[in-house]
């Protein structure tokens, strides 16, 4: 099917799809909700700390990265559940690797905060 949206119309549609994705993830995924609140708290904390603008950016960006990876993981899990309700080793592998990506993003965020706060 050819996309009939072009220019600004396409951007508006894409923005709407993105908002729908945020709303669905927030409504249906506990981990995503927790990470959104982590971002809010981390952002407030980053602005209360006496750090450089670059450090503040890093502190917030690493938590945003967690949300990005969580959204991708949610998409993988949703597709996996749609493909098969029965156990499938390929679906399990996809879900497990998505979960591992979220863990790495969380460890990166924690490391970033530790390094910056330790200086």
PDB file of N, CA and C in Angstrom:
ATOM      1  N   UNK A   1       0.847  -1.182   0.000  1.00  0.00           N
ATOM      2  CA  UNK A   1       0.000   0.000   0.000  1.00  0.00           C
ATOM      3  C   UNK A   1       0.889   1.240   0.000  1.00  0.00           C
ATOM      4  N   UNK A   2       0.653   2.129  -0.908  1.00  0.00           N
ATOM      5  CA  UNK A   2       1.449   3.339  -1.043  1.00  0.00           C
ATOM      6  C   UNK A   2       0.977   4.391  -0.034  1.00  0.00           C
ATOM      7  N   UNK A   3       1.931   5.044   0.595  1.00  0.00           N
ATOM      8  CA  UNK A   3       1.621   6.089   1.574  1.00  0.00           C
ATOM      9  C   UNK A   3       1.251   7.366   0.830  1.00  0.00           C
ATOM     10  N   UNK A   4       0.028   7.857   1.057  1.00  0.00           N
ATOM     11  CA  UNK A   4      -0.437   9.049   0.351  1.00  0.00           C
ATOM     12  C   UNK A   4      -0.044  10.338   1.069  1.00  0.00           C
ATOM     13  N   UNK A   5       0.472  10.218   2.287  1.00  0.00           N
ATOM     14  CA  UNK A   5       0.880  11.403   3.039  1.00  0.00           C
ATOM     15  C   UNK A   5       2.245  11.880   2.557  1.00  0.00           C
ATOM     16  N   UNK A   6       2.345  13.194   2.363  1.00  0.00           N
ATOM     17  CA  UNK A   6       3.621  13.782   1.958  1.00  0.00           C
ATOM     18  C   UNK A   6       3.834  15.061   2.745  1.00  0.00           C
ATOM     19  N   UNK A   7       5.084  15.446   2.889  1.00  0.00           N
ATOM     20  CA  UNK A   7       5.418  16.710   3.523  1.00  0.00           C
ATOM     21  C   UNK A   7       4.926  16.811   4.950  1.00  0.00           C
ATOM     22  N   UNK A   8       4.309  17.961   5.246  1.00  0.00           N
ATOM     23  CA  UNK A   8       3.826  18.250   6.599  1.00  0.00           C
ATOM     24  C   UNK A   8       2.775  17.224   7.024  1.00  0.00           C
ATOM     25  N   UNK A   9       1.924  16.819   6.131  1.00  0.00           N
ATOM     26  CA  UNK A   9       0.881  15.839   6.448  1.00  0.00           C
ATOM     27  C   UNK A   9       1.498  14.534   6.951  1.00  0.00           C
ATOM     28  N   UNK A  10       2.579  14.115   6.314  1.00  0.00           N
ATOM     29  CA  UNK A  10       3.260  12.892   6.741  1.00  0.00           C
ATOM     30  C   UNK A  10       3.844  13.069   8.131  1.00  0.00           C
ATOM     31  N   UNK A  11       4.441  14.229   8.394  1.00  0.00           N
ATOM     32  CA  UNK A  11       5.022  14.499   9.709  1.00  0.00           C
ATOM     33  C   UNK A  11       3.952  14.506  10.799  1.00  0.00           C
ATOM     34  N   UNK A  12       2.812  15.106  10.496  1.00  0.00           N
ATOM     35  CA  UNK A  12       1.710  15.154  11.463  1.00  0.00           C
ATOM     36  C   UNK A  12       1.212  13.737  11.745  1.00  0.00           C
ATOM     37  N   UNK A  13       1.055  12.940  10.704  1.00  0.00           N
ATOM     38  CA  UNK A  13       0.614  11.553  10.883  1.00  0.00           C
ATOM     39  C   UNK A  13       1.625  10.761  11.702  1.00  0.00           C
ATOM     40  N   UNK A  14       2.899  10.910  11.378  1.00  0.00           N
ATOM     41  CA  UNK A  14       3.950  10.186  12.110  1.00  0.00           C
ATOM     42  C   UNK A  14       3.951  10.585  13.574  1.00  0.00           C
ATOM     43  N   UNK A  15       3.768  11.876  13.853  1.00  0.00           N
ATOM     44  CA  UNK A  15       3.712  12.352  15.225  1.00  0.00           C
ATOM     45  C   UNK A  15       2.525  11.723  15.959  1.00  0.00           C
ATOM     46  N   UNK A  16       1.402  11.634  15.286  1.00  0.00           N
ATOM     47  CA  UNK A  16       0.210  11.003  15.872  1.00  0.00           C
ATOM     48  C   UNK A  16       0.439   9.537  16.185  1.00  0.00           C
ATOM     49  N   UNK A  17       1.110   8.819  15.274  1.00  0.00           N
ATOM     50  CA  UNK A  17       1.415   7.412  15.519  1.00  0.00           C
ATOM     51  C   UNK A  17       2.354   7.275  16.722  1.00  0.00           C
ATOM     52  N   UNK A  18       3.316   8.184  16.823  1.00  0.00           N
ATOM     53  CA  UNK A  18       4.251   8.156  17.945  1.00  0.00           C
ATOM     54  C   UNK A  18       3.528   8.399  19.265  1.00  0.00           C
ATOM     55  N   UNK A  19       2.623   9.375  19.284  1.00  0.00           N
ATOM     56  CA  UNK A  19       1.840   9.630  20.497  1.00  0.00           C
ATOM     57  C   UNK A  19       1.010   8.411  20.881  1.00  0.00           C
ATOM     58  N   UNK A  20       0.430   7.745  19.889  1.00  0.00           N
ATOM     59  CA  UNK A  20      -0.341   6.529  20.157  1.00  0.00           C
ATOM     60  C   UNK A  20       0.547   5.456  20.778  1.00  0.00           C
ATOM     61  N   UNK A  21       1.768   5.347  20.278  1.00  0.00           N
ATOM     62  CA  UNK A  21       2.709   4.377  20.835  1.00  0.00           C
ATOM     63  C   UNK A  21       3.076   4.694  22.272  1.00  0.00           C
ATOM     64  N   UNK A  22       3.328   5.980  22.561  1.00  0.00           N
ATOM     65  CA  UNK A  22       3.619   6.392  23.942  1.00  0.00           C
ATOM     66  C   UNK A  22       2.443   6.073  24.858  1.00  0.00           C
ATOM     67  N   UNK A  23       1.236   6.435  24.413  1.00  0.00           N
ATOM     68  CA  UNK A  23       0.045   6.208  25.234  1.00  0.00           C
ATOM     69  C   UNK A  23      -0.170   4.725  25.507  1.00  0.00           C
ATOM     70  N   UNK A  24      -0.018   3.902  24.482  1.00  0.00           N
ATOM     71  CA  UNK A  24      -0.211   2.461  24.646  1.00  0.00           C
ATOM     72  C   UNK A  24       0.833   1.872  25.586  1.00  0.00           C
ATOM     73  N   UNK A  25       2.080   2.266  25.410  1.00  0.00           N
ATOM     74  CA  UNK A  25       3.143   1.745  26.275  1.00  0.00           C
ATOM     75  C   UNK A  25       2.921   2.173  27.713  1.00  0.00           C
ATOM     76  N   UNK A  26       2.549   3.428  27.922  1.00  0.00           N
ATOM     77  CA  UNK A  26       2.331   3.915  29.286  1.00  0.00           C
ATOM     78  C   UNK A  26       1.134   3.210  29.922  1.00  0.00           C
ATOM     79  N   UNK A  27       0.082   2.990  29.155  1.00  0.00           N
ATOM     80  CA  UNK A  27      -1.126   2.365  29.689  1.00  0.00           C
ATOM     81  C   UNK A  27      -0.939   0.875  29.975  1.00  0.00           C
ATOM     82  N   UNK A  28      -0.119   0.205  29.171  1.00  0.00           N
ATOM     83  CA  UNK A  28      -0.068  -1.258  29.237  1.00  0.00           C
ATOM     84  C   UNK A  28       1.226  -1.838  29.797  1.00  0.00           C
ATOM     85  N   UNK A  29       2.263  -1.043  29.921  1.00  0.00           N
ATOM     86  CA  UNK A  29       3.567  -1.579  30.327  1.00  0.00           C
ATOM     87  C   UNK A  29       4.040  -0.949  31.634  1.00  0.00           C
ATOM     88  N   UNK A  30       4.035  -1.745  32.687  1.00  0.00           N
ATOM     89  CA  UNK A  30       4.468  -1.259  33.997  1.00  0.00           C
ATOM     90  C   UNK A  30       5.908  -0.751  33.958  1.00  0.00           C
ATOM     91  N   UNK A  31       6.788  -1.491  33.308  1.00  0.00           N
ATOM     92  CA  UNK A  31       8.195  -1.086  33.245  1.00  0.00           C
ATOM     93  C   UNK A  31       8.338   0.276  32.573  1.00  0.00           C
ATOM     94  N   UNK A  32       7.586   0.498  31.505  1.00  0.00           N
ATOM     95  CA  UNK A  32       7.658   1.783  30.807  1.00  0.00           C
ATOM     96  C   UNK A  32       7.183   2.908  31.712  1.00  0.00           C
ATOM     97  N   UNK A  33       6.086   2.689  32.433  1.00  0.00           N
ATOM     98  CA  UNK A  33       5.597   3.708  33.369  1.00  0.00           C
ATOM     99  C   UNK A  33       6.655   4.021  34.423  1.00  0.00           C
ATOM    100  N   UNK A  34       7.283   3.000  34.962  1.00  0.00           N
ATOM    101  CA  UNK A  34       8.317   3.214  35.968  1.00  0.00           C
ATOM    102  C   UNK A  34       9.487   4.016  35.395  1.00  0.00           C
ATOM    103  N   UNK A  35       9.853   3.704  34.170  1.00  0.00           N
ATOM    104  CA  UNK A  35      10.977   4.396  33.539  1.00  0.00           C
ATOM    105  C   UNK A  35      10.628   5.832  33.168  1.00  0.00           C
ATOM    106  N   UNK A  36       9.376   6.095  32.823  1.00  0.00           N
ATOM    107  CA  UNK A  36       8.953   7.478  32.586  1.00  0.00           C
ATOM    108  C   UNK A  36       9.110   8.278  33.874  1.00  0.00           C
ATOM    109  N   UNK A  37       8.660   7.707  34.998  1.00  0.00           N
ATOM    110  CA  UNK A  37       8.799   8.400  36.286  1.00  0.00           C
ATOM    111  C   UNK A  37      10.258   8.538  36.689  1.00  0.00           C
ATOM    112  N   UNK A  38      11.068   7.541  36.341  1.00  0.00           N
ATOM    113  CA  UNK A  38      12.512   7.651  36.577  1.00  0.00           C
ATOM    114  C   UNK A  38      13.080   8.831  35.796  1.00  0.00           C
ATOM    115  N   UNK A  39      12.649   8.989  34.548  1.00  0.00           N
ATOM    116  CA  UNK A  39      13.106  10.115  33.730  1.00  0.00           C
ATOM    117  C   UNK A  39      12.692  11.447  34.344  1.00  0.00           C
ATOM    118  N   UNK A  40      11.467  11.535  34.814  1.00  0.00           N
ATOM    119  CA  UNK A  40      10.994  12.787  35.417  1.00  0.00           C
ATOM    120  C   UNK A  40      11.824  13.125  36.648  1.00  0.00           C
ATOM    121  N   UNK A  41      12.019  12.157  37.522  1.00  0.00           N
ATOM    122  CA  UNK A  41      12.796  12.381  38.752  1.00  0.00           C
ATOM    123  C   UNK A  41      14.251  12.682  38.414  1.00  0.00           C
ATOM    124  N   UNK A  42      14.821  11.920  37.479  1.00  0.00           N
ATOM    125  CA  UNK A  42      16.218  12.130  37.090  1.00  0.00           C
ATOM    126  C   UNK A  42      16.417  13.506  36.457  1.00  0.00           C
ATOM    127  N   UNK A  43      15.450  13.943  35.671  1.00  0.00           N
ATOM    128  CA  UNK A  43      15.559  15.260  35.030  1.00  0.00           C
ATOM    129  C   UNK A  43      15.521  16.375  36.064  1.00  0.00           C
ATOM    130  N   UNK A  44      14.616  16.260  37.018  1.00  0.00           N
ATOM    131  CA  UNK A  44      14.551  17.262  38.091  1.00  0.00           C
ATOM    132  C   UNK A  44      15.865  17.262  38.869  1.00  0.00           C
ATOM    133  N   UNK A  45      16.343  16.060  39.206  1.00  0.00           N
ATOM    134  CA  UNK A  45      17.602  15.954  39.951  1.00  0.00           C
ATOM    135  C   UNK A  45      18.769  16.539  39.163  1.00  0.00           C
ATOM    136  N   UNK A  46      18.801  16.273  37.860  1.00  0.00           N
ATOM    137  CA  UNK A  46      19.896  16.769  37.025  1.00  0.00           C
ATOM    138  C   UNK A  46      19.947  18.290  37.020  1.00  0.00           C
ATOM    139  N   UNK A  47      18.781  18.929  37.085  1.00  0.00           N
ATOM    140  CA  UNK A  47      18.753  20.391  37.110  1.00  0.00           C
ATOM    141  C   UNK A  47      19.031  20.961  38.496  1.00  0.00           C
ATOM    142  N   UNK A  48      18.950  20.127  39.507  1.00  0.00           N
ATOM    143  CA  UNK A  48      19.271  20.578  40.868  1.00  0.00           C
ATOM    144  C   UNK A  48      20.752  20.407  41.196  1.00  0.00           C
ATOM    145  N   UNK A  49      21.433  19.581  40.422  1.00  0.00           N
ATOM    146  CA  UNK A  49      22.853  19.316  40.677  1.00  0.00           C
ATOM    147  C   UNK A  49      23.740  20.402  40.073  1.00  0.00           C
ATOM    148  N   UNK A  50      24.858  20.620  40.709  1.00  0.00           N
ATOM    149  CA  UNK A  50      25.836  21.558  40.159  1.00  0.00           C
ATOM    150  C   UNK A  50      26.770  20.794  39.233  1.00  0.00           C
ATOM    151  N   UNK A  51      26.308  20.643  37.996  1.00  0.00           N
ATOM    152  CA  UNK A  51      27.068  19.948  36.965  1.00  0.00           C
ATOM    153  C   UNK A  51      27.093  20.827  35.719  1.00  0.00           C
ATOM    154  N   UNK A  52      27.981  20.481  34.792  1.00  0.00           N
ATOM    155  CA  UNK A  52      28.036  21.245  33.545  1.00  0.00           C
ATOM    156  C   UNK A  52      26.821  20.916  32.683  1.00  0.00           C
ATOM    157  N   UNK A  53      26.610  21.725  31.682  1.00  0.00           N
ATOM    158  CA  UNK A  53      25.496  21.488  30.752  1.00  0.00           C
ATOM    159  C   UNK A  53      25.661  20.142  30.054  1.00  0.00           C
ATOM    160  N   UNK A  54      26.899  19.793  29.702  1.00  0.00           N
ATOM    161  CA  UNK A  54      27.150  18.509  29.047  1.00  0.00           C
ATOM    162  C   UNK A  54      26.853  17.343  29.980  1.00  0.00           C
ATOM    163  N   UNK A  55      27.228  17.474  31.234  1.00  0.00           N
ATOM    164  CA  UNK A  55      26.941  16.423  32.217  1.00  0.00           C
ATOM    165  C   UNK A  55      25.439  16.294  32.434  1.00  0.00           C
ATOM    166  N   UNK A  56      24.753  17.413  32.534  1.00  0.00           N
ATOM    167  CA  UNK A  56      23.298  17.398  32.697  1.00  0.00           C
ATOM    168  C   UNK A  56      22.645  16.706  31.504  1.00  0.00           C
ATOM    169  N   UNK A  57      23.117  17.044  30.320  1.00  0.00           N
ATOM    170  CA  UNK A  57      22.598  16.403  29.111  1.00  0.00           C
ATOM    171  C   UNK A  57      22.821  14.896  29.169  1.00  0.00           C
ATOM    172  N   UNK A  58      24.020  14.476  29.563  1.00  0.00           N
ATOM    173  CA  UNK A  58      24.331  13.039  29.645  1.00  0.00           C
ATOM    174  C   UNK A  58      23.452  12.340  30.674  1.00  0.00           C
ATOM    175  N   UNK A  59      23.242  12.982  31.815  1.00  0.00           N
ATOM    176  CA  UNK A  59      22.412  12.383  32.862  1.00  0.00           C
ATOM    177  C   UNK A  59      20.982  12.141  32.383  1.00  0.00           C
ATOM    178  N   UNK A  60      20.454  13.082  31.636  1.00  0.00           N
ATOM    179  CA  UNK A  60      19.081  12.948  31.136  1.00  0.00           C
ATOM    180  C   UNK A  60      19.044  12.022  29.917  1.00  0.00           C
ATOM    181  N   UNK A  61      19.998  12.170  29.015  1.00  0.00           N
ATOM    182  CA  UNK A  61      20.003  11.384  27.774  1.00  0.00           C
ATOM    183  C   UNK A  61      20.122   9.887  28.041  1.00  0.00           C
ATOM    184  N   UNK A  62      20.918   9.517  29.033  1.00  0.00           N
ATOM    185  CA  UNK A  62      21.073   8.082  29.295  1.00  0.00           C
ATOM    186  C   UNK A  62      19.768   7.470  29.799  1.00  0.00           C
ATOM    187  N   UNK A  63      18.944   8.231  30.488  1.00  0.00           N
ATOM    188  CA  UNK A  63      17.647   7.728  30.937  1.00  0.00           C
ATOM    189  C   UNK A  63      16.657   7.710  29.772  1.00  0.00           C
ATOM    190  N   UNK A  64      16.743   8.690  28.885  1.00  0.00           N
ATOM    191  CA  UNK A  64      15.908   8.674  27.677  1.00  0.00           C
ATOM    192  C   UNK A  64      16.241   7.433  26.847  1.00  0.00           C
ATOM    193  N   UNK A  65      17.519   7.085  26.791  1.00  0.00           N
ATOM    194  CA  UNK A  65      17.926   5.879  26.060  1.00  0.00           C
ATOM    195  C   UNK A  65      17.242   4.641  26.634  1.00  0.00           C
ATOM    196  N   UNK A  66      17.100   4.579  27.944  1.00  0.00           N
ATOM    197  CA  UNK A  66      16.390   3.455  28.565  1.00  0.00           C
ATOM    198  C   UNK A  66      14.961   3.380  28.023  1.00  0.00           C
ATOM    199  N   UNK A  67      14.298   4.524  27.931  1.00  0.00           N
ATOM    200  CA  UNK A  67      12.928   4.537  27.398  1.00  0.00           C
ATOM    201  C   UNK A  67      12.883   4.079  25.941  1.00  0.00           C
ATOM    202  N   UNK A  68      13.843   4.520  25.160  1.00  0.00           N
ATOM    203  CA  UNK A  68      13.899   4.131  23.745  1.00  0.00           C
ATOM    204  C   UNK A  68      14.028   2.619  23.631  1.00  0.00           C
ATOM    205  N   UNK A  69      14.958   2.057  24.382  1.00  0.00           N
ATOM    206  CA  UNK A  69      15.180   0.607  24.315  1.00  0.00           C
ATOM    207  C   UNK A  69      13.952  -0.139  24.837  1.00  0.00           C
ATOM    208  N   UNK A  70      13.325   0.380  25.882  1.00  0.00           N
ATOM    209  CA  UNK A  70      12.112  -0.250  26.414  1.00  0.00           C
ATOM    210  C   UNK A  70      10.996  -0.254  25.377  1.00  0.00           C
ATOM    211  N   UNK A  71      10.845   0.833  24.630  1.00  0.00           N
ATOM    212  CA  UNK A  71       9.823   0.879  23.580  1.00  0.00           C
ATOM    213  C   UNK A  71      10.096  -0.152  22.488  1.00  0.00           C
ATOM    214  N   UNK A  72      11.343  -0.280  22.074  1.00  0.00           N
ATOM    215  CA  UNK A  72      11.696  -1.279  21.061  1.00  0.00           C
ATOM    216  C   UNK A  72      11.440  -2.683  21.614  1.00  0.00           C
ATOM    217  N   UNK A  73      11.827  -2.908  22.865  1.00  0.00           N
ATOM    218  CA  UNK A  73      11.592  -4.202  23.491  1.00  0.00           C
ATOM    219  C   UNK A  73      10.100  -4.513  23.557  1.00  0.00           C
ATOM    220  N   UNK A  74       9.299  -3.538  23.888  1.00  0.00           N
ATOM    221  CA  UNK A  74       7.849  -3.734  23.943  1.00  0.00           C
ATOM    222  C   UNK A  74       7.306  -4.116  22.573  1.00  0.00           C
ATOM    223  N   UNK A  75       7.815  -3.459  21.539  1.00  0.00           N
ATOM    224  CA  UNK A  75       7.398  -3.810  20.179  1.00  0.00           C
ATOM    225  C   UNK A  75       7.755  -5.244  19.827  1.00  0.00           C
ATOM    226  N   UNK A  76       8.954  -5.664  20.187  1.00  0.00           N
ATOM    227  CA  UNK A  76       9.389  -7.044  19.919  1.00  0.00           C
ATOM    228  C   UNK A  76       8.500  -8.025  20.671  1.00  0.00           C
ATOM    229  N   UNK A  77       8.247  -7.743  21.947  1.00  0.00           N
ATOM    230  CA  UNK A  77       7.408  -8.636  22.750  1.00  0.00           C
ATOM    231  C   UNK A  77       5.983  -8.706  22.204  1.00  0.00           C
ATOM    232  N   UNK A  78       5.456  -7.571  21.786  1.00  0.00           N
ATOM    233  CA  UNK A  78       4.098  -7.539  21.242  1.00  0.00           C
ATOM    234  C   UNK A  78       4.002  -8.378  19.973  1.00  0.00           C
ATOM    235  N   UNK A  79       4.985  -8.230  19.087  1.00  0.00           N
ATOM    236  CA  UNK A  79       4.991  -9.036  17.863  1.00  0.00           C
ATOM    237  C   UNK A  79       5.156 -10.513  18.181  1.00  0.00           C
ATOM    238  N   UNK A  80       6.033 -10.821  19.138  1.00  0.00           N
ATOM    239  CA  UNK A  80       6.224 -12.213  19.533  1.00  0.00           C
ATOM    240  C   UNK A  80       4.947 -12.837  20.054  1.00  0.00           C
ATOM    241  N   UNK A  81       4.215 -12.091  20.864  1.00  0.00           N
ATOM    242  CA  UNK A  81       2.949 -12.598  21.401  1.00  0.00           C
ATOM    243  C   UNK A  81       1.909 -12.768  20.295  1.00  0.00           C
ATOM    244  N   UNK A  82       1.973 -11.920  19.300  1.00  0.00           N
ATOM    245  CA  UNK A  82       1.024 -11.990  18.177  1.00  0.00           C
ATOM    246  C   UNK A  82       1.320 -13.178  17.271  1.00  0.00           C
ATOM    247  N   UNK A  83       2.603 -13.480  17.119  1.00  0.00           N
ATOM    248  CA  UNK A  83       3.008 -14.575  16.234  1.00  0.00           C
ATOM    249  C   UNK A  83       2.564 -15.921  16.788  1.00  0.00           C
ATOM    250  N   UNK A  84       2.751 -16.100  18.095  1.00  0.00           N
ATOM    251  CA  UNK A  84       2.423 -17.400  18.679  1.00  0.00           C
ATOM    252  C   UNK A  84       2.136 -17.266  20.161  1.00  0.00           C
ATOM    253  N   UNK A  85       1.016 -17.866  20.588  1.00  0.00           N
ATOM    254  CA  UNK A  85       0.718 -17.905  22.008  1.00  0.00           C
ATOM    255  C   UNK A  85       1.384 -19.121  22.652  1.00  0.00           C
ATOM    256  N   UNK A  86       1.776 -20.066  21.829  1.00  0.00           N
ATOM    257  CA  UNK A  86       2.465 -21.258  22.316  1.00  0.00           C
ATOM    258  C   UNK A  86       3.953 -20.963  22.443  1.00  0.00           C
ATOM    259  N   UNK A  87       4.641 -21.799  23.237  1.00  0.00           N
ATOM    260  CA  UNK A  87       6.084 -21.619  23.410  1.00  0.00           C
ATOM    261  C   UNK A  87       6.780 -21.785  22.069  1.00  0.00           C
ATOM    262  N   UNK A  88       7.629 -20.828  21.758  1.00  0.00           N
ATOM    263  CA  UNK A  88       8.437 -20.873  20.537  1.00  0.00           C
ATOM    264  C   UNK A  88       9.830 -20.396  20.918  1.00  0.00           C
ATOM    265  N   UNK A  89      10.851 -21.221  20.704  1.00  0.00           N
ATOM    266  CA  UNK A  89      12.203 -20.835  21.118  1.00  0.00           C
ATOM    267  C   UNK A  89      12.717 -19.572  20.419  1.00  0.00           C
ATOM    268  N   UNK A  90      12.251 -19.317  19.211  1.00  0.00           N
ATOM    269  CA  UNK A  90      12.676 -18.113  18.496  1.00  0.00           C
ATOM    270  C   UNK A  90      12.059 -16.862  19.115  1.00  0.00           C
ATOM    271  N   UNK A  91      10.786 -16.962  19.481  1.00  0.00           N
ATOM    272  CA  UNK A  91      10.115 -15.847  20.149  1.00  0.00           C
ATOM    273  C   UNK A  91      10.763 -15.612  21.505  1.00  0.00           C
ATOM    274  N   UNK A  92      11.062 -16.693  22.235  1.00  0.00           N
ATOM    275  CA  UNK A  92      11.715 -16.562  23.539  1.00  0.00           C
ATOM    276  C   UNK A  92      13.059 -15.857  23.388  1.00  0.00           C
ATOM    277  N   UNK A  93      13.822 -16.256  22.379  1.00  0.00           N
ATOM    278  CA  UNK A  93      15.127 -15.622  22.159  1.00  0.00           C
ATOM    279  C   UNK A  93      14.971 -14.137  21.859  1.00  0.00           C
ATOM    280  N   UNK A  94      13.990 -13.780  21.029  1.00  0.00           N
ATOM    281  CA  UNK A  94      13.757 -12.368  20.700  1.00  0.00           C
ATOM    282  C   UNK A  94      13.382 -11.586  21.953  1.00  0.00           C
ATOM    283  N   UNK A  95      12.492 -12.151  22.764  1.00  0.00           N
ATOM    284  CA  UNK A  95      12.082 -11.475  23.995  1.00  0.00           C
ATOM    285  C   UNK A  95      13.245 -11.350  24.978  1.00  0.00           C
ATOM    286  N   UNK A  96      14.019 -12.410  25.107  1.00  0.00           N
ATOM    287  CA  UNK A  96      15.143 -12.390  26.045  1.00  0.00           C
ATOM    288  C   UNK A  96      16.226 -11.394  25.626  1.00  0.00           C
ATOM    289  N   UNK A  97      16.511 -11.330  24.336  1.00  0.00           N
ATOM    290  CA  UNK A  97      17.525 -10.372  23.888  1.00  0.00           C
ATOM    291  C   UNK A  97      17.028  -8.934  24.021  1.00  0.00           C
ATOM    292  N   UNK A  98      15.735  -8.719  23.816  1.00  0.00           N
ATOM    293  CA  UNK A  98      15.167  -7.390  24.046  1.00  0.00           C
ATOM    294  C   UNK A  98      15.286  -6.996  25.511  1.00  0.00           C
ATOM    295  N   UNK A  99      15.005  -7.946  26.386  1.00  0.00           N
ATOM    296  CA  UNK A  99      15.131  -7.701  27.822  1.00  0.00           C
ATOM    297  C   UNK A  99      16.590  -7.418  28.195  1.00  0.00           C
ATOM    298  N   UNK A 100      17.514  -8.145  27.587  1.00  0.00           N
ATOM    299  CA  UNK A 100      18.938  -7.913  27.846  1.00  0.00           C
ATOM    300  C   UNK A 100      19.350  -6.511  27.398  1.00  0.00           C
ATOM    301  N   UNK A 101      18.786  -6.042  26.293  1.00  0.00           N
ATOM    302  CA  UNK A 101      19.089  -4.685  25.811  1.00  0.00           C
ATOM    303  C   UNK A 101      18.606  -3.642  26.819  1.00  0.00           C
ATOM    304  N   UNK A 102      17.428  -3.865  27.397  1.00  0.00           N
ATOM    305  CA  UNK A 102      16.925  -2.940  28.413  1.00  0.00           C
ATOM    306  C   UNK A 102      17.857  -2.950  29.623  1.00  0.00           C
ATOM    307  N   UNK A 103      18.287  -4.134  30.049  1.00  0.00           N
ATOM    308  CA  UNK A 103      19.207  -4.232  31.181  1.00  0.00           C
ATOM    309  C   UNK A 103      20.496  -3.461  30.912  1.00  0.00           C
ATOM    310  N   UNK A 104      21.058  -3.611  29.725  1.00  0.00           N
ATOM    311  CA  UNK A 104      22.290  -2.888  29.388  1.00  0.00           C
ATOM    312  C   UNK A 104      22.064  -1.377  29.403  1.00  0.00           C
ATOM    313  N   UNK A 105      20.924  -0.935  28.895  1.00  0.00           N
ATOM    314  CA  UNK A 105      20.622   0.501  28.911  1.00  0.00           C
ATOM    315  C   UNK A 105      20.502   1.011  30.347  1.00  0.00           C
ATOM    316  N   UNK A 106      19.872   0.228  31.216  1.00  0.00           N
ATOM    317  CA  UNK A 106      19.765   0.612  32.631  1.00  0.00           C
ATOM    318  C   UNK A 106      21.137   0.659  33.307  1.00  0.00           C
ATOM    319  N   UNK A 107      21.983  -0.322  33.001  1.00  0.00           N
ATOM    320  CA  UNK A 107      23.337  -0.327  33.574  1.00  0.00           C
ATOM    321  C   UNK A 107      24.153   0.857  33.065  1.00  0.00           C
ATOM    322  N   UNK A 108      23.985   1.202  31.803  1.00  0.00           N
ATOM    323  CA  UNK A 108      24.665   2.369  31.243  1.00  0.00           C
ATOM    324  C   UNK A 108      24.204   3.636  31.955  1.00  0.00           C
ATOM    325  N   UNK A 109      22.893   3.766  32.158  1.00  0.00           N
ATOM    326  CA  UNK A 109      22.360   4.949  32.837  1.00  0.00           C
ATOM    327  C   UNK A 109      22.892   5.037  34.262  1.00  0.00           C
ATOM    328  N   UNK A 110      22.873   3.930  34.971  1.00  0.00           N
ATOM    329  CA  UNK A 110      23.377   3.923  36.348  1.00  0.00           C
ATOM    330  C   UNK A 110      24.858   4.279  36.376  1.00  0.00           C
ATOM    331  N   UNK A 111      25.617   3.737  35.442  1.00  0.00           N
ATOM    332  CA  UNK A 111      27.054   4.033  35.374  1.00  0.00           C
ATOM    333  C   UNK A 111      27.309   5.505  35.098  1.00  0.00           C
ATOM    334  N   UNK A 112      26.534   6.074  34.189  1.00  0.00           N
ATOM    335  CA  UNK A 112      26.669   7.493  33.852  1.00  0.00           C
ATOM    336  C   UNK A 112      26.418   8.340  35.089  1.00  0.00           C
ATOM    337  N   UNK A 113      25.345   8.056  35.808  1.00  0.00           N
ATOM    338  CA  UNK A 113      25.035   8.820  37.020  1.00  0.00           C
ATOM    339  C   UNK A 113      26.130   8.660  38.062  1.00  0.00           C
ATOM    340  N   UNK A 114      26.626   7.436  38.251  1.00  0.00           N
ATOM    341  CA  UNK A 114      27.672   7.189  39.243  1.00  0.00           C
ATOM    342  C   UNK A 114      28.939   7.969  38.893  1.00  0.00           C
ATOM    343  N   UNK A 115      29.361   7.891  37.645  1.00  0.00           N
ATOM    344  CA  UNK A 115      30.596   8.563  37.227  1.00  0.00           C
ATOM    345  C   UNK A 115      30.480  10.078  37.402  1.00  0.00           C
ATOM    346  N   UNK A 116      29.366  10.642  36.963  1.00  0.00           N
ATOM    347  CA  UNK A 116      29.207  12.099  37.052  1.00  0.00           C
ATOM    348  C   UNK A 116      29.074  12.558  38.511  1.00  0.00           C
ATOM    349  N   UNK A 117      28.311  11.827  39.302  1.00  0.00           N
ATOM    350  CA  UNK A 117      28.143  12.223  40.701  1.00  0.00           C
ATOM    351  C   UNK A 117      29.409  11.996  41.527  1.00  0.00           C
ATOM    352  N   UNK A 118      30.240  11.075  41.115  1.00  0.00           N
ATOM    353  CA  UNK A 118      31.468  10.784  41.857  1.00  0.00           C
ATOM    354  C   UNK A 118      32.548  11.839  41.624  1.00  0.00           C
ATOM    355  N   UNK A 119      32.390  12.656  40.578  1.00  0.00           N
ATOM    356  CA  UNK A 119      33.406  13.679  40.279  1.00  0.00           C
ATOM    357  C   UNK A 119      33.174  14.947  41.056  1.00  0.00           C
TER     358      UNK A 119
END
